[in-house]
Amino acid sequence: MSSISDLEKMRDKKDVNGLINALNDNDKRIREKTAYLLGDIDAKEAVEPLINLLNDEYWPIRKAAVVSLGTIEDKNAVEPLISVLKDEHWHVRETAVWALGAIGDRRAVEPIINALNDGSLNVKCEVVDALGNLGDDRALEPLKEILKENDYILRSCAVLSLGKIGDTSVEYLISSIEDESYLVRVNAVNALGTIGDKKALPYLKGALESSNGESHEFESALKRAINKITSK
């Protein structure tokens, strides 16, 4: 039986085999800690043992395995992680979405889009972020629907993700310049400035003219975006 101190020594020595053996420890806390440590040292040899942990009965161990698989970014983990999107614990599902976004394999796009139906707000927020990281145009319509959500944090996250997708999202970002939440408006304007599409200029200038000093942060974002686009 290993102790936490033993595990940390293995990590420092990058003793991958020792850590993999510790995944079979009877103490669930040791197994959980080991799963995290294998990700810390980017142990690609541990991908299969970590995948096996995705069926562990103790959900924190499943979450630890998911985190490390996302950190290691091995594409062999994509299909097993897609299966984890149906885990009974939202913590594990949320982390699986993050891991799939980090790995960046397009096989995950549709399953992640389907995860927008998850009842957990935390999972939905992670889904929106992951769709932006994947940068696939298939995410445009689902993200557009998120812009209709009542939760302004979700809308704000959707705007950020649309900005990561790029040119094809410009029309959706333009519509968000008039969102009731200044955070959504600012994020939309920043995204448009980064994309740099000149067709956004009339909308940005119009918003600046009608802002009437409503929000210094919003007006500053508008000016920066206009300057970025016009200087290109």
Protein backbone atom coordinates (compact mmCIF):
# COMPACT_ATOMS: atom_id res chain seq x y z
CA MET A 1 0.00 0.00 0.00
CA SER A 2 1.38 3.40 -1.02
CA SER A 3 1.20 6.67 0.90
CA ILE A 4 0.68 10.16 -0.52
CA SER A 5 4.35 10.83 0.19
CA ASP A 6 5.32 7.73 -1.81
CA LEU A 7 3.23 8.93 -4.73
CA GLU A 8 4.80 12.38 -4.70
CA LYS A 9 8.26 10.84 -4.74
CA MET A 10 7.24 8.75 -7.75
CA ARG A 11 5.96 11.88 -9.45
CA ASP A 12 9.21 13.75 -8.78
CA LYS A 13 11.20 10.83 -10.22
CA LYS A 14 8.70 10.45 -13.07
CA ASP A 15 8.28 6.83 -12.08
CA VAL A 16 5.37 6.14 -14.43
CA ASN A 17 5.34 2.39 -13.85
CA GLY A 18 5.25 2.86 -10.10
CA LEU A 19 2.31 5.25 -10.40
CA ILE A 20 0.46 2.96 -12.79
CA ASN A 21 0.83 0.14 -10.26
CA ALA A 22 -0.56 2.46 -7.57
CA LEU A 23 -3.78 2.75 -9.57
CA ASN A 24 -4.58 -0.73 -8.22
CA ASP A 25 -4.27 0.37 -4.58
CA ASN A 26 -7.18 -0.58 -2.32
CA ASP A 27 -7.39 2.97 -0.95
CA LYS A 28 -9.59 5.06 -3.24
CA ARG A 29 -7.86 8.26 -2.13
CA ILE A 30 -4.54 6.85 -3.33
CA ARG A 31 -6.06 5.87 -6.66
CA GLU A 32 -7.55 9.35 -7.08
CA LYS A 33 -4.27 11.12 -6.23
CA THR A 34 -2.34 8.80 -8.55
CA ALA A 35 -4.66 9.54 -11.45
CA TYR A 36 -4.03 13.26 -11.06
CA LEU A 37 -0.27 12.81 -10.76
CA LEU A 38 -0.07 10.84 -13.99
CA GLY A 39 -1.52 13.86 -15.76
CA ASP A 40 0.89 16.18 -13.97
CA ILE A 41 3.84 14.37 -15.53
CA ASP A 42 2.16 13.96 -18.94
CA ALA A 43 2.45 10.16 -18.73
CA LYS A 44 1.36 9.04 -22.18
CA GLU A 45 2.09 5.44 -21.21
CA ALA A 46 -0.75 5.74 -18.68
CA VAL A 47 -3.51 6.53 -21.17
CA GLU A 48 -4.97 3.01 -21.21
CA PRO A 49 -4.86 2.56 -17.41
CA LEU A 50 -6.52 5.98 -17.04
CA ILE A 51 -9.21 5.03 -19.55
CA ASN A 52 -9.88 1.93 -17.44
CA LEU A 53 -10.51 4.20 -14.45
CA LEU A 54 -13.42 5.86 -16.24
CA ASN A 55 -15.54 2.95 -14.97
CA ASP A 56 -14.41 3.23 -11.35
CA GLU A 57 -17.35 3.20 -8.91
CA TYR A 58 -15.96 6.24 -7.03
CA TRP A 59 -16.80 9.35 -9.08
CA PRO A 60 -13.86 11.53 -7.89
CA ILE A 61 -11.53 8.88 -9.35
CA ARG A 62 -13.39 9.04 -12.66
CA LYS A 63 -13.06 12.82 -12.61
CA ALA A 64 -9.32 12.61 -11.85
CA ALA A 65 -8.83 10.21 -14.77
CA VAL A 66 -10.73 12.54 -17.09
CA VAL A 67 -8.63 15.54 -16.02
CA SER A 68 -5.40 13.69 -16.71
CA LEU A 69 -6.60 12.37 -20.06
CA GLY A 70 -7.46 15.93 -21.05
CA THR A 71 -4.05 17.11 -19.87
CA ILE A 72 -2.19 14.38 -21.76
CA GLU A 73 -4.26 15.10 -24.90
CA ASP A 74 -4.00 11.64 -26.44
CA LYS A 75 -6.59 11.14 -29.18
CA ASN A 76 -7.07 7.49 -28.15
CA ALA A 77 -9.03 8.87 -25.21
CA VAL A 78 -11.62 10.67 -27.36
CA GLU A 79 -14.19 7.87 -27.74
CA PRO A 80 -14.00 6.80 -24.08
CA LEU A 81 -14.40 10.43 -23.01
CA ILE A 82 -17.42 10.84 -25.27
CA SER A 83 -19.00 7.96 -23.35
CA VAL A 84 -18.32 9.82 -20.10
CA LEU A 85 -20.63 12.64 -21.24
CA LYS A 86 -23.41 10.39 -19.91
CA ASP A 87 -21.85 9.87 -16.47
CA GLU A 88 -24.30 10.11 -13.59
CA HIS A 89 -22.30 12.90 -11.86
CA TRP A 90 -22.29 16.37 -13.42
CA HIS A 91 -18.77 17.02 -12.09
CA VAL A 92 -17.50 14.17 -14.25
CA ARG A 93 -19.57 15.19 -17.28
CA GLU A 94 -18.39 18.79 -17.00
CA THR A 95 -14.76 17.71 -16.83
CA ALA A 96 -15.21 15.35 -19.79
CA VAL A 97 -16.44 18.25 -21.92
CA TRP A 98 -13.38 20.27 -20.92
CA ALA A 99 -11.06 17.33 -21.70
CA LEU A 100 -12.58 16.81 -25.16
CA GLY A 101 -12.21 20.49 -25.90
CA ALA A 102 -8.58 20.38 -24.78
CA ILE A 103 -7.80 17.38 -27.00
CA GLY A 104 -9.43 19.17 -29.92
CA ASP A 105 -10.57 16.19 -31.97
CA ARG A 106 -13.51 17.01 -34.28
CA ARG A 107 -15.14 13.64 -33.52
CA ALA A 108 -16.25 15.27 -30.28
CA VAL A 109 -18.15 18.18 -31.86
CA GLU A 110 -21.57 16.53 -32.26
CA PRO A 111 -21.50 14.73 -28.87
CA ILE A 112 -20.54 18.00 -27.18
CA ILE A 113 -23.34 19.85 -28.99
CA ASN A 114 -25.76 17.18 -27.73
CA ALA A 115 -24.49 17.83 -24.21
CA LEU A 116 -26.13 21.27 -24.38
CA ASN A 117 -29.25 19.35 -23.35
CA ASP A 118 -27.60 18.53 -20.03
CA GLY A 119 -29.64 19.77 -17.10
CA SER A 120 -26.58 21.16 -15.29
CA LEU A 121 -25.72 24.82 -15.90
CA ASN A 122 -22.07 24.04 -15.11
CA VAL A 123 -21.97 21.44 -17.86
CA LYS A 124 -23.62 23.79 -20.35
CA CYS A 125 -21.07 26.52 -19.59
CA GLU A 126 -18.24 24.07 -20.20
CA VAL A 127 -19.90 22.89 -23.43
CA VAL A 128 -20.10 26.45 -24.76
CA ASP A 129 -16.42 27.01 -23.98
CA ALA A 130 -15.37 23.70 -25.54
CA LEU A 131 -17.27 24.46 -28.74
CA GLY A 132 -15.28 27.65 -29.08
CA ASN A 133 -12.01 25.80 -28.54
CA LEU A 134 -12.94 23.23 -31.19
CA GLY A 135 -13.67 26.05 -33.64
CA ASP A 136 -16.04 24.06 -35.80
CA ASP A 137 -18.78 25.78 -37.83
CA ARG A 138 -21.24 23.09 -36.73
CA ALA A 139 -21.33 24.91 -33.41
CA LEU A 140 -22.69 28.14 -34.88
CA GLU A 141 -26.41 27.35 -34.70
CA PRO A 142 -26.29 25.79 -31.21
CA LEU A 143 -24.32 28.80 -29.94
CA LYS A 144 -26.82 31.13 -31.60
CA GLU A 145 -29.55 29.40 -29.58
CA ILE A 146 -27.57 29.95 -26.39
CA LEU A 147 -27.72 33.70 -27.11
CA LYS A 148 -31.46 33.42 -26.35
CA GLU A 149 -30.88 31.97 -22.85
CA ASN A 150 -31.97 33.99 -19.82
CA ASP A 151 -28.66 33.45 -18.05
CA TYR A 152 -26.33 36.29 -19.08
CA ILE A 153 -23.24 34.29 -18.09
CA LEU A 154 -24.17 31.62 -20.61
CA ARG A 155 -24.77 34.27 -23.27
CA SER A 156 -21.45 35.87 -22.46
CA CYS A 157 -19.64 32.55 -22.77
CA ALA A 158 -21.40 31.90 -26.09
CA VAL A 159 -20.19 35.23 -27.45
CA LEU A 160 -16.62 34.41 -26.48
CA SER A 161 -16.86 31.05 -28.22
CA LEU A 162 -18.35 32.59 -31.35
CA GLY A 163 -15.38 34.93 -31.40
CA LYS A 164 -13.02 31.96 -31.40
CA ILE A 165 -14.82 30.41 -34.38
CA GLY A 166 -14.12 33.54 -36.40
CA ASP A 167 -15.52 35.09 -39.59
CA THR A 168 -18.58 32.88 -39.90
CA SER A 169 -19.88 34.08 -36.54
CA VAL A 170 -19.85 37.82 -37.29
CA GLU A 171 -23.61 38.21 -37.87
CA TYR A 172 -24.37 36.54 -34.53
CA LEU A 173 -21.87 38.76 -32.72
CA ILE A 174 -23.34 41.88 -34.30
CA SER A 175 -26.76 40.96 -32.89
CA SER A 176 -25.21 40.70 -29.42
CA ILE A 177 -24.03 44.32 -29.47
CA GLU A 178 -27.56 45.19 -28.31
CA ASP A 179 -27.79 42.55 -25.56
CA GLU A 180 -29.28 43.78 -22.27
CA SER A 181 -26.14 42.68 -20.40
CA TYR A 182 -23.17 45.02 -20.78
CA LEU A 183 -20.83 42.02 -20.23
CA VAL A 184 -22.28 40.27 -23.28
CA ARG A 185 -22.07 43.51 -25.29
CA VAL A 186 -18.44 44.12 -24.32
CA ASN A 187 -17.44 40.55 -25.13
CA ALA A 188 -19.22 40.72 -28.49
CA VAL A 189 -17.48 43.96 -29.39
CA ASN A 190 -14.07 42.62 -28.37
CA ALA A 191 -14.65 39.52 -30.47
CA LEU A 192 -15.63 41.60 -33.51
CA GLY A 193 -12.51 43.69 -33.10
CA THR A 194 -10.36 40.58 -33.01
CA ILE A 195 -12.02 39.07 -36.10
CA GLY A 196 -11.64 42.36 -37.95
CA ASP A 197 -14.48 42.04 -40.45
CA LYS A 198 -15.28 45.49 -41.89
CA LYS A 199 -18.99 44.72 -42.24
CA ALA A 200 -19.22 45.10 -38.44
CA LEU A 201 -18.07 48.74 -38.60
CA PRO A 202 -21.47 50.41 -39.19
CA TYR A 203 -22.95 48.53 -36.23
CA LEU A 204 -20.03 49.33 -33.96
CA LYS A 205 -20.10 53.03 -34.92
CA GLY A 206 -23.87 53.14 -34.50
CA ALA A 207 -23.60 51.62 -31.01
CA LEU A 208 -20.94 54.18 -30.07
CA GLU A 209 -23.06 57.10 -31.30
CA SER A 210 -26.12 55.94 -29.36
CA SER A 211 -24.36 54.89 -26.15
CA ASN A 212 -24.63 58.34 -24.54
CA GLY A 213 -22.02 57.56 -21.91
CA GLU A 214 -24.04 54.62 -20.62
CA SER A 215 -20.97 52.49 -19.93
CA HIS A 216 -17.36 53.60 -20.06
CA GLU A 217 -16.18 50.01 -20.51
CA PHE A 218 -18.58 49.41 -23.39
CA GLU A 219 -17.61 52.64 -25.15
CA SER A 220 -13.91 51.90 -24.70
CA ALA A 221 -14.41 48.43 -26.20
CA LEU A 222 -16.26 49.96 -29.16
CA LYS A 223 -13.48 52.47 -29.81
CA ARG A 224 -10.79 49.77 -29.61
CA ALA A 225 -12.71 47.49 -31.98
CA ILE A 226 -13.31 50.30 -34.49
CA ASN A 227 -9.63 51.26 -34.42
CA LYS A 228 -8.54 47.65 -34.87
CA ILE A 229 -10.78 47.09 -37.87
CA THR A 230 -10.04 50.41 -39.60
CA SER A 231 -6.28 49.99 -39.16
CA LYS A 232 -6.23 46.65 -40.98
